Amino acid sequence: MMIQDARTTKKLAKDTFEAWAETYDHSLLNYFLFRPSYYTFLEEIARWRADLDGPFNILDIGCGTGTFPCMIALSNLDARHIVGLDYAMEMCQQAARKLQRFDPDHLVSFVNGDSEHLPFPDAMFDIVTCANSFHHYPHQQVVVSEMRRLIRPGGRLMIIDGFRDNAIGWVVFDVVIAAIEKSVHHAPWTTMRSYFEQAGFSEIYHRKFNFLFPAFITVGSVPAHDG
């Protein structure tokens, strides 16, 4: 994608989510897509951490109003440091307000930032998650590689986005959502796998969930001997 086109795409996404922030939590997508995605993350993290000792650090990219970071804070998972990042400042501000109710132990913080230039040092997190915002990123391979930079050896990346590889998903994401949101790209299953492979992840797998708003999770591990 050309630089000017990428800038336009990112500005459009930012403006859209700045305007949506106040009513975001009341959207029907929260019930039909976003919350099922968060529960899928929780299931995957709980299964992975079941045999591992010690706390973990997690970064949620494209965190919106911070629902998933707050769910982690309220769960039984042994999270030590929970960070949410969003490109839209108003989303971060809405998320910060939510903390007052759902983060009694002050585990969560929110950062306004760009997924292509993540403002964190190498190998800071054990888990990086990204739910239903990846299709807004104009340089998707760059983002996956940048995510990997932040993950410690043995850690995991988990990305959820719309599944457009069947008839329902194609209509929902490539026709309806594309017409509404403009300049978005829901990566096919095989393309997402290629992103992970090129970034150096191992043990990559996918899982589809949902029916009317089909989505899929891609999980990849950073080799334990990495670095």
C-alpha atoms as a PDB file:
ATOM      1  CA  MET A   1       0.000   0.000   0.000  1.00  0.00           C
ATOM      2  CA  MET A   2       1.316   3.459  -0.891  1.00  0.00           C
ATOM      3  CA  ILE A   3       2.356   5.740   1.982  1.00  0.00           C
ATOM      4  CA  GLN A   4      -0.344   8.310   1.258  1.00  0.00           C
ATOM      5  CA  ASP A   5      -3.024   5.616   1.063  1.00  0.00           C
ATOM      6  CA  ALA A   6      -1.810   4.127   4.353  1.00  0.00           C
ATOM      7  CA  ARG A   7      -1.966   7.499   6.080  1.00  0.00           C
ATOM      8  CA  THR A   8      -5.483   8.033   4.779  1.00  0.00           C
ATOM      9  CA  THR A   9      -6.549   4.590   5.980  1.00  0.00           C
ATOM     10  CA  LYS A  10      -5.145   5.151   9.461  1.00  0.00           C
ATOM     11  CA  LYS A  11      -6.697   8.608   9.762  1.00  0.00           C
ATOM     12  CA  LEU A  12     -10.074   7.278   8.670  1.00  0.00           C
ATOM     13  CA  ALA A  13      -9.912   4.505  11.258  1.00  0.00           C
ATOM     14  CA  LYS A  14      -8.811   6.899  13.986  1.00  0.00           C
ATOM     15  CA  ASP A  15     -11.585   9.402  13.217  1.00  0.00           C
ATOM     16  CA  THR A  16     -14.174   6.616  13.108  1.00  0.00           C
ATOM     17  CA  PHE A  17     -13.212   5.200  16.487  1.00  0.00           C
ATOM     18  CA  GLU A  18     -12.836   8.614  18.120  1.00  0.00           C
ATOM     19  CA  ALA A  19     -16.450   9.308  17.142  1.00  0.00           C
ATOM     20  CA  TRP A  20     -17.619   5.823  18.192  1.00  0.00           C
ATOM     21  CA  ALA A  21     -15.929   5.740  21.603  1.00  0.00           C
ATOM     22  CA  GLU A  22     -18.822   7.070  23.686  1.00  0.00           C
ATOM     23  CA  THR A  23     -21.364   4.523  22.399  1.00  0.00           C
ATOM     24  CA  TYR A  24     -18.915   1.699  21.657  1.00  0.00           C
ATOM     25  CA  ASP A  25     -19.891  -0.418  24.672  1.00  0.00           C
ATOM     26  CA  HIS A  26     -23.547  -0.353  23.644  1.00  0.00           C
ATOM     27  CA  SER A  27     -22.970  -1.550  20.091  1.00  0.00           C
ATOM     28  CA  LEU A  28     -24.648  -4.789  19.022  1.00  0.00           C
ATOM     29  CA  LEU A  29     -21.203  -5.899  17.834  1.00  0.00           C
ATOM     30  CA  ASN A  30     -20.210  -6.096  21.492  1.00  0.00           C
ATOM     31  CA  TYR A  31     -22.689  -8.917  22.016  1.00  0.00           C
ATOM     32  CA  PHE A  32     -22.366 -10.691  18.683  1.00  0.00           C
ATOM     33  CA  LEU A  33     -18.618 -10.393  18.018  1.00  0.00           C
ATOM     34  CA  PHE A  34     -16.470  -8.539  20.550  1.00  0.00           C
ATOM     35  CA  ARG A  35     -17.427 -10.411  23.738  1.00  0.00           C
ATOM     36  CA  PRO A  36     -17.267 -13.858  22.081  1.00  0.00           C
ATOM     37  CA  SER A  37     -13.778 -12.839  20.967  1.00  0.00           C
ATOM     38  CA  TYR A  38     -12.740 -11.871  24.497  1.00  0.00           C
ATOM     39  CA  TYR A  39     -14.012 -15.171  25.893  1.00  0.00           C
ATOM     40  CA  THR A  40     -12.083 -17.009  23.194  1.00  0.00           C
ATOM     41  CA  PHE A  41      -8.915 -15.213  24.323  1.00  0.00           C
ATOM     42  CA  LEU A  42      -9.618 -16.117  27.955  1.00  0.00           C
ATOM     43  CA  GLU A  43     -10.078 -19.776  27.041  1.00  0.00           C
ATOM     44  CA  GLU A  44      -6.835 -19.885  25.082  1.00  0.00           C
ATOM     45  CA  ILE A  45      -4.837 -18.088  27.780  1.00  0.00           C
ATOM     46  CA  ALA A  46      -6.240 -20.259  30.579  1.00  0.00           C
ATOM     47  CA  ARG A  47      -5.444 -23.445  28.632  1.00  0.00           C
ATOM     48  CA  TRP A  48      -1.910 -22.269  27.873  1.00  0.00           C
ATOM     49  CA  ARG A  49      -1.107 -21.074  31.398  1.00  0.00           C
ATOM     50  CA  ALA A  50      -2.617 -24.122  33.143  1.00  0.00           C
ATOM     51  CA  ASP A  51       0.752 -25.875  33.418  1.00  0.00           C
ATOM     52  CA  LEU A  52       2.907 -22.752  33.762  1.00  0.00           C
ATOM     53  CA  ASP A  53       3.956 -21.161  37.032  1.00  0.00           C
ATOM     54  CA  GLY A  54       4.321 -17.486  37.756  1.00  0.00           C
ATOM     55  CA  PRO A  55       2.587 -14.289  36.643  1.00  0.00           C
ATOM     56  CA  PHE A  56       2.570 -12.937  33.111  1.00  0.00           C
ATOM     57  CA  ASN A  57       2.511  -9.573  31.336  1.00  0.00           C
ATOM     58  CA  ILE A  58      -0.053  -8.998  28.598  1.00  0.00           C
ATOM     59  CA  LEU A  59      -0.585  -6.319  25.957  1.00  0.00           C
ATOM     60  CA  ASP A  60      -3.937  -5.911  24.186  1.00  0.00           C
ATOM     61  CA  ILE A  61      -3.576  -3.959  20.927  1.00  0.00           C
ATOM     62  CA  GLY A  62      -6.627  -2.154  19.587  1.00  0.00           C
ATOM     63  CA  CYS A  63      -8.128  -2.359  23.076  1.00  0.00           C
ATOM     64  CA  GLY A  64     -11.063  -0.028  22.407  1.00  0.00           C
ATOM     65  CA  THR A  65     -12.711   0.963  25.682  1.00  0.00           C
ATOM     66  CA  GLY A  66     -10.643  -1.543  27.625  1.00  0.00           C
ATOM     67  CA  THR A  67     -13.187  -4.298  28.240  1.00  0.00           C
ATOM     68  CA  PHE A  68     -10.790  -7.189  27.666  1.00  0.00           C
ATOM     69  CA  PRO A  69      -7.944  -5.821  29.849  1.00  0.00           C
ATOM     70  CA  CYS A  70     -10.495  -5.314  32.629  1.00  0.00           C
ATOM     71  CA  MET A  71     -11.787  -8.872  32.142  1.00  0.00           C
ATOM     72  CA  ILE A  72      -8.222 -10.136  32.585  1.00  0.00           C
ATOM     73  CA  ALA A  73      -7.850  -8.079  35.777  1.00  0.00           C
ATOM     74  CA  LEU A  74     -11.068  -9.546  37.197  1.00  0.00           C
ATOM     75  CA  SER A  75     -10.262 -13.139  36.189  1.00  0.00           C
ATOM     76  CA  ASN A  76      -8.380 -15.803  38.104  1.00  0.00           C
ATOM     77  CA  LEU A  77      -5.487 -15.577  35.668  1.00  0.00           C
ATOM     78  CA  ASP A  78      -2.204 -14.577  37.275  1.00  0.00           C
ATOM     79  CA  ALA A  79      -1.613 -11.362  35.331  1.00  0.00           C
ATOM     80  CA  ARG A  80       1.009  -9.038  36.801  1.00  0.00           C
ATOM     81  CA  HIS A  81       0.986  -6.206  34.245  1.00  0.00           C
ATOM     82  CA  ILE A  82      -1.900  -5.563  31.840  1.00  0.00           C
ATOM     83  CA  VAL A  83      -1.595  -2.909  29.137  1.00  0.00           C
ATOM     84  CA  GLY A  84      -4.167  -1.819  26.571  1.00  0.00           C
ATOM     85  CA  LEU A  85      -3.149   0.195  23.520  1.00  0.00           C
ATOM     86  CA  ASP A  86      -5.395   2.026  21.086  1.00  0.00           C
ATOM     87  CA  TYR A  87      -4.786   4.454  18.229  1.00  0.00           C
ATOM     88  CA  ALA A  88      -7.828   6.548  19.197  1.00  0.00           C
ATOM     89  CA  MET A  89      -7.221   8.755  22.243  1.00  0.00           C
ATOM     90  CA  GLU A  90     -10.922   8.920  23.085  1.00  0.00           C
ATOM     91  CA  MET A  91     -11.019   5.123  23.329  1.00  0.00           C
ATOM     92  CA  CYS A  92      -8.156   5.254  25.836  1.00  0.00           C
ATOM     93  CA  GLN A  93      -9.967   7.917  27.836  1.00  0.00           C
ATOM     94  CA  GLN A  94     -13.141   5.843  27.949  1.00  0.00           C
ATOM     95  CA  ALA A  95     -11.047   2.855  29.014  1.00  0.00           C
ATOM     96  CA  ALA A  96      -9.412   4.843  31.810  1.00  0.00           C
ATOM     97  CA  ARG A  97     -12.847   5.745  33.180  1.00  0.00           C
ATOM     98  CA  LYS A  98     -13.802   2.064  33.169  1.00  0.00           C
ATOM     99  CA  LEU A  99     -10.787   1.232  35.327  1.00  0.00           C
ATOM    100  CA  GLN A 100     -12.322   2.963  38.303  1.00  0.00           C
ATOM    101  CA  ARG A 101     -14.987   0.254  38.417  1.00  0.00           C
ATOM    102  CA  PHE A 102     -13.235  -2.856  37.147  1.00  0.00           C
ATOM    103  CA  ASP A 103      -9.586  -2.710  38.219  1.00  0.00           C
ATOM    104  CA  PRO A 104      -9.504  -2.665  42.035  1.00  0.00           C
ATOM    105  CA  ASP A 105      -5.893  -3.892  42.151  1.00  0.00           C
ATOM    106  CA  HIS A 106      -4.599  -1.289  39.672  1.00  0.00           C
ATOM    107  CA  LEU A 107      -3.100  -3.864  37.316  1.00  0.00           C
ATOM    108  CA  VAL A 108      -4.192  -2.169  34.091  1.00  0.00           C
ATOM    109  CA  SER A 109      -2.841   0.830  32.209  1.00  0.00           C
ATOM    110  CA  PHE A 110      -3.760   2.283  28.821  1.00  0.00           C
ATOM    111  CA  VAL A 111      -1.533   3.805  26.155  1.00  0.00           C
ATOM    112  CA  ASN A 112      -2.389   5.802  23.058  1.00  0.00           C
ATOM    113  CA  GLY A 113      -0.181   4.462  20.272  1.00  0.00           C
ATOM    114  CA  ASP A 114       0.300   3.093  16.770  1.00  0.00           C
ATOM    115  CA  SER A 115       0.417  -0.667  16.180  1.00  0.00           C
ATOM    116  CA  GLU A 116       3.173  -0.195  13.600  1.00  0.00           C
ATOM    117  CA  HIS A 117       5.416   1.587  16.116  1.00  0.00           C
ATOM    118  CA  LEU A 118       4.683   0.046  19.501  1.00  0.00           C
ATOM    119  CA  PRO A 119       6.158   2.159  22.333  1.00  0.00           C
ATOM    120  CA  PHE A 120       7.580  -0.694  24.403  1.00  0.00           C
ATOM    121  CA  PRO A 121      10.996  -2.363  24.748  1.00  0.00           C
ATOM    122  CA  ASP A 122      11.799  -5.743  23.235  1.00  0.00           C
ATOM    123  CA  ALA A 123      10.526  -8.896  24.972  1.00  0.00           C
ATOM    124  CA  MET A 124       8.400  -7.003  27.512  1.00  0.00           C
ATOM    125  CA  PHE A 125       5.291  -9.191  27.309  1.00  0.00           C
ATOM    126  CA  ASP A 126       4.430 -12.871  27.627  1.00  0.00           C
ATOM    127  CA  ILE A 127       1.216 -12.476  25.611  1.00  0.00           C
ATOM    128  CA  VAL A 128       0.109  -9.988  22.971  1.00  0.00           C
ATOM    129  CA  THR A 129      -3.527 -10.021  21.872  1.00  0.00           C
ATOM    130  CA  CYS A 130      -5.424  -8.152  19.157  1.00  0.00           C
ATOM    131  CA  ALA A 131      -9.166  -8.574  18.610  1.00  0.00           C
ATOM    132  CA  ASN A 132     -11.169  -7.272  15.657  1.00  0.00           C
ATOM    133  CA  SER A 133      -8.960  -4.316  14.766  1.00  0.00           C
ATOM    134  CA  PHE A 134      -6.354  -6.020  12.587  1.00  0.00           C
ATOM    135  CA  HIS A 135      -8.354  -5.399   9.401  1.00  0.00           C
ATOM    136  CA  HIS A 136      -7.790  -1.639   9.866  1.00  0.00           C
ATOM    137  CA  TYR A 137      -4.000  -1.951   9.706  1.00  0.00           C
ATOM    138  CA  PRO A 138      -2.646  -1.003   6.264  1.00  0.00           C
ATOM    139  CA  HIS A 139       0.717  -2.762   6.800  1.00  0.00           C
ATOM    140  CA  GLN A 140      -0.350  -6.013   8.384  1.00  0.00           C
ATOM    141  CA  GLN A 141       2.923  -7.920   8.066  1.00  0.00           C
ATOM    142  CA  VAL A 142       4.769  -4.995   9.651  1.00  0.00           C
ATOM    143  CA  VAL A 143       2.374  -5.064  12.599  1.00  0.00           C
ATOM    144  CA  VAL A 144       2.751  -8.810  13.186  1.00  0.00           C
ATOM    145  CA  SER A 145       6.539  -8.474  13.135  1.00  0.00           C
ATOM    146  CA  GLU A 146       6.355  -5.517  15.530  1.00  0.00           C
ATOM    147  CA  MET A 147       4.131  -7.546  17.859  1.00  0.00           C
ATOM    148  CA  ARG A 148       6.647 -10.374  17.836  1.00  0.00           C
ATOM    149  CA  ARG A 149       9.418  -7.987  18.876  1.00  0.00           C
ATOM    150  CA  LEU A 150       7.611  -7.419  22.160  1.00  0.00           C
ATOM    151  CA  ILE A 151       7.105 -11.082  23.081  1.00  0.00           C
ATOM    152  CA  ARG A 152       9.461 -13.004  25.320  1.00  0.00           C
ATOM    153  CA  PRO A 153      10.819 -16.416  24.295  1.00  0.00           C
ATOM    154  CA  GLY A 154       8.091 -18.948  24.969  1.00  0.00           C
ATOM    155  CA  GLY A 155       5.393 -16.278  24.762  1.00  0.00           C
ATOM    156  CA  ARG A 156       2.411 -16.093  22.429  1.00  0.00           C
ATOM    157  CA  LEU A 157       0.631 -13.835  19.966  1.00  0.00           C
ATOM    158  CA  MET A 158      -3.136 -14.192  19.553  1.00  0.00           C
ATOM    159  CA  ILE A 159      -5.013 -12.324  16.822  1.00  0.00           C
ATOM    160  CA  ILE A 160      -8.762 -12.503  16.222  1.00  0.00           C
ATOM    161  CA  ASP A 161     -10.422 -11.045  13.147  1.00  0.00           C
ATOM    162  CA  GLY A 162     -13.380 -11.675  10.877  1.00  0.00           C
ATOM    163  CA  PHE A 163     -13.434 -15.025   9.069  1.00  0.00           C
ATOM    164  CA  ARG A 164     -14.182 -14.166   5.430  1.00  0.00           C
ATOM    165  CA  ASP A 165     -13.372 -17.616   3.985  1.00  0.00           C
ATOM    166  CA  ASN A 166     -16.945 -18.900   3.837  1.00  0.00           C
ATOM    167  CA  ALA A 167     -20.101 -17.475   2.237  1.00  0.00           C
ATOM    168  CA  ILE A 168     -21.463 -15.817   5.390  1.00  0.00           C
ATOM    169  CA  GLY A 169     -18.101 -14.324   6.313  1.00  0.00           C
ATOM    170  CA  TRP A 170     -17.502 -13.042   2.792  1.00  0.00           C
ATOM    171  CA  VAL A 171     -20.847 -11.194   2.782  1.00  0.00           C
ATOM    172  CA  VAL A 172     -20.421  -9.823   6.317  1.00  0.00           C
ATOM    173  CA  PHE A 173     -16.798  -8.690   6.074  1.00  0.00           C
ATOM    174  CA  ASP A 174     -15.872  -8.270   2.412  1.00  0.00           C
ATOM    175  CA  VAL A 175     -19.196  -6.746   1.369  1.00  0.00           C
ATOM    176  CA  VAL A 176     -21.065  -5.157   4.304  1.00  0.00           C
ATOM    177  CA  ILE A 177     -18.229  -4.185   6.663  1.00  0.00           C
ATOM    178  CA  ALA A 178     -15.983  -3.108   3.783  1.00  0.00           C
ATOM    179  CA  ALA A 179     -18.749  -0.852   2.465  1.00  0.00           C
ATOM    180  CA  ILE A 180     -19.332   0.720   5.884  1.00  0.00           C
ATOM    181  CA  GLU A 181     -15.777   1.042   7.188  1.00  0.00           C
ATOM    182  CA  LYS A 182     -13.904   1.560   3.886  1.00  0.00           C
ATOM    183  CA  SER A 183     -10.208   0.773   3.359  1.00  0.00           C
ATOM    184  CA  VAL A 184     -10.190  -2.406   5.442  1.00  0.00           C
ATOM    185  CA  HIS A 185      -8.716  -5.824   4.700  1.00  0.00           C
ATOM    186  CA  HIS A 186      -9.805  -9.006   6.451  1.00  0.00           C
ATOM    187  CA  ALA A 187      -6.882 -11.330   5.824  1.00  0.00           C
ATOM    188  CA  PRO A 188      -7.787 -14.854   4.675  1.00  0.00           C
ATOM    189  CA  TRP A 189      -6.835 -17.766   6.915  1.00  0.00           C
ATOM    190  CA  THR A 190      -3.843 -18.684   4.731  1.00  0.00           C
ATOM    191  CA  THR A 191      -2.577 -15.097   4.605  1.00  0.00           C
ATOM    192  CA  MET A 192      -2.734 -14.752   8.369  1.00  0.00           C
ATOM    193  CA  ARG A 193      -0.720 -17.931   8.734  1.00  0.00           C
ATOM    194  CA  SER A 194       1.851 -16.555   6.307  1.00  0.00           C
ATOM    195  CA  TYR A 195       2.153 -13.349   8.369  1.00  0.00           C
ATOM    196  CA  PHE A 196       2.953 -15.413  11.460  1.00  0.00           C
ATOM    197  CA  GLU A 197       5.418 -17.637   9.627  1.00  0.00           C
ATOM    198  CA  GLN A 198       7.292 -14.699   8.114  1.00  0.00           C
ATOM    199  CA  ALA A 199       7.528 -13.041  11.535  1.00  0.00           C
ATOM    200  CA  GLY A 200       9.181 -16.171  12.949  1.00  0.00           C
ATOM    201  CA  PHE A 201       6.396 -17.707  15.025  1.00  0.00           C
ATOM    202  CA  SER A 202       6.166 -21.448  15.564  1.00  0.00           C
ATOM    203  CA  GLU A 203       3.365 -23.838  16.638  1.00  0.00           C
ATOM    204  CA  ILE A 204       0.857 -21.767  14.657  1.00  0.00           C
ATOM    205  CA  TYR A 205      -2.791 -22.806  14.720  1.00  0.00           C
ATOM    206  CA  HIS A 206      -6.222 -21.360  13.931  1.00  0.00           C
ATOM    207  CA  ARG A 207      -9.682 -21.845  15.386  1.00  0.00           C
ATOM    208  CA  LYS A 208     -12.958 -20.567  13.926  1.00  0.00           C
ATOM    209  CA  PHE A 209     -15.893 -19.542  16.129  1.00  0.00           C
ATOM    210  CA  ASN A 210     -19.241 -17.742  15.812  1.00  0.00           C
ATOM    211  CA  PHE A 211     -21.846 -18.202  13.083  1.00  0.00           C
ATOM    212  CA  LEU A 212     -23.597 -14.994  11.979  1.00  0.00           C
ATOM    213  CA  PHE A 213     -20.411 -12.984  12.566  1.00  0.00           C
ATOM    214  CA  PRO A 214     -17.807 -15.697  11.937  1.00  0.00           C
ATOM    215  CA  ALA A 215     -14.364 -14.986  13.354  1.00  0.00           C
ATOM    216  CA  PHE A 216     -11.148 -16.890  13.814  1.00  0.00           C
ATOM    217  CA  ILE A 217      -8.223 -16.815  16.179  1.00  0.00           C
ATOM    218  CA  THR A 218      -4.623 -17.326  15.066  1.00  0.00           C
ATOM    219  CA  VAL A 219      -2.119 -18.300  17.754  1.00  0.00           C
ATOM    220  CA  GLY A 220       1.641 -18.432  17.355  1.00  0.00           C
ATOM    221  CA  SER A 221       4.508 -19.030  19.789  1.00  0.00           C
ATOM    222  CA  VAL A 222       7.916 -17.406  20.010  1.00  0.00           C
ATOM    223  CA  PRO A 223      10.426 -20.283  20.237  1.00  0.00           C
ATOM    224  CA  ALA A 224      11.684 -20.783  23.795  1.00  0.00           C
ATOM    225  CA  HIS A 225      15.283 -20.549  22.602  1.00  0.00           C
ATOM    226  CA  ASP A 226      14.637 -17.286  20.723  1.00  0.00           C
ATOM    227  CA  GLY A 227      17.311 -14.672  21.165  1.00  0.00           C
END
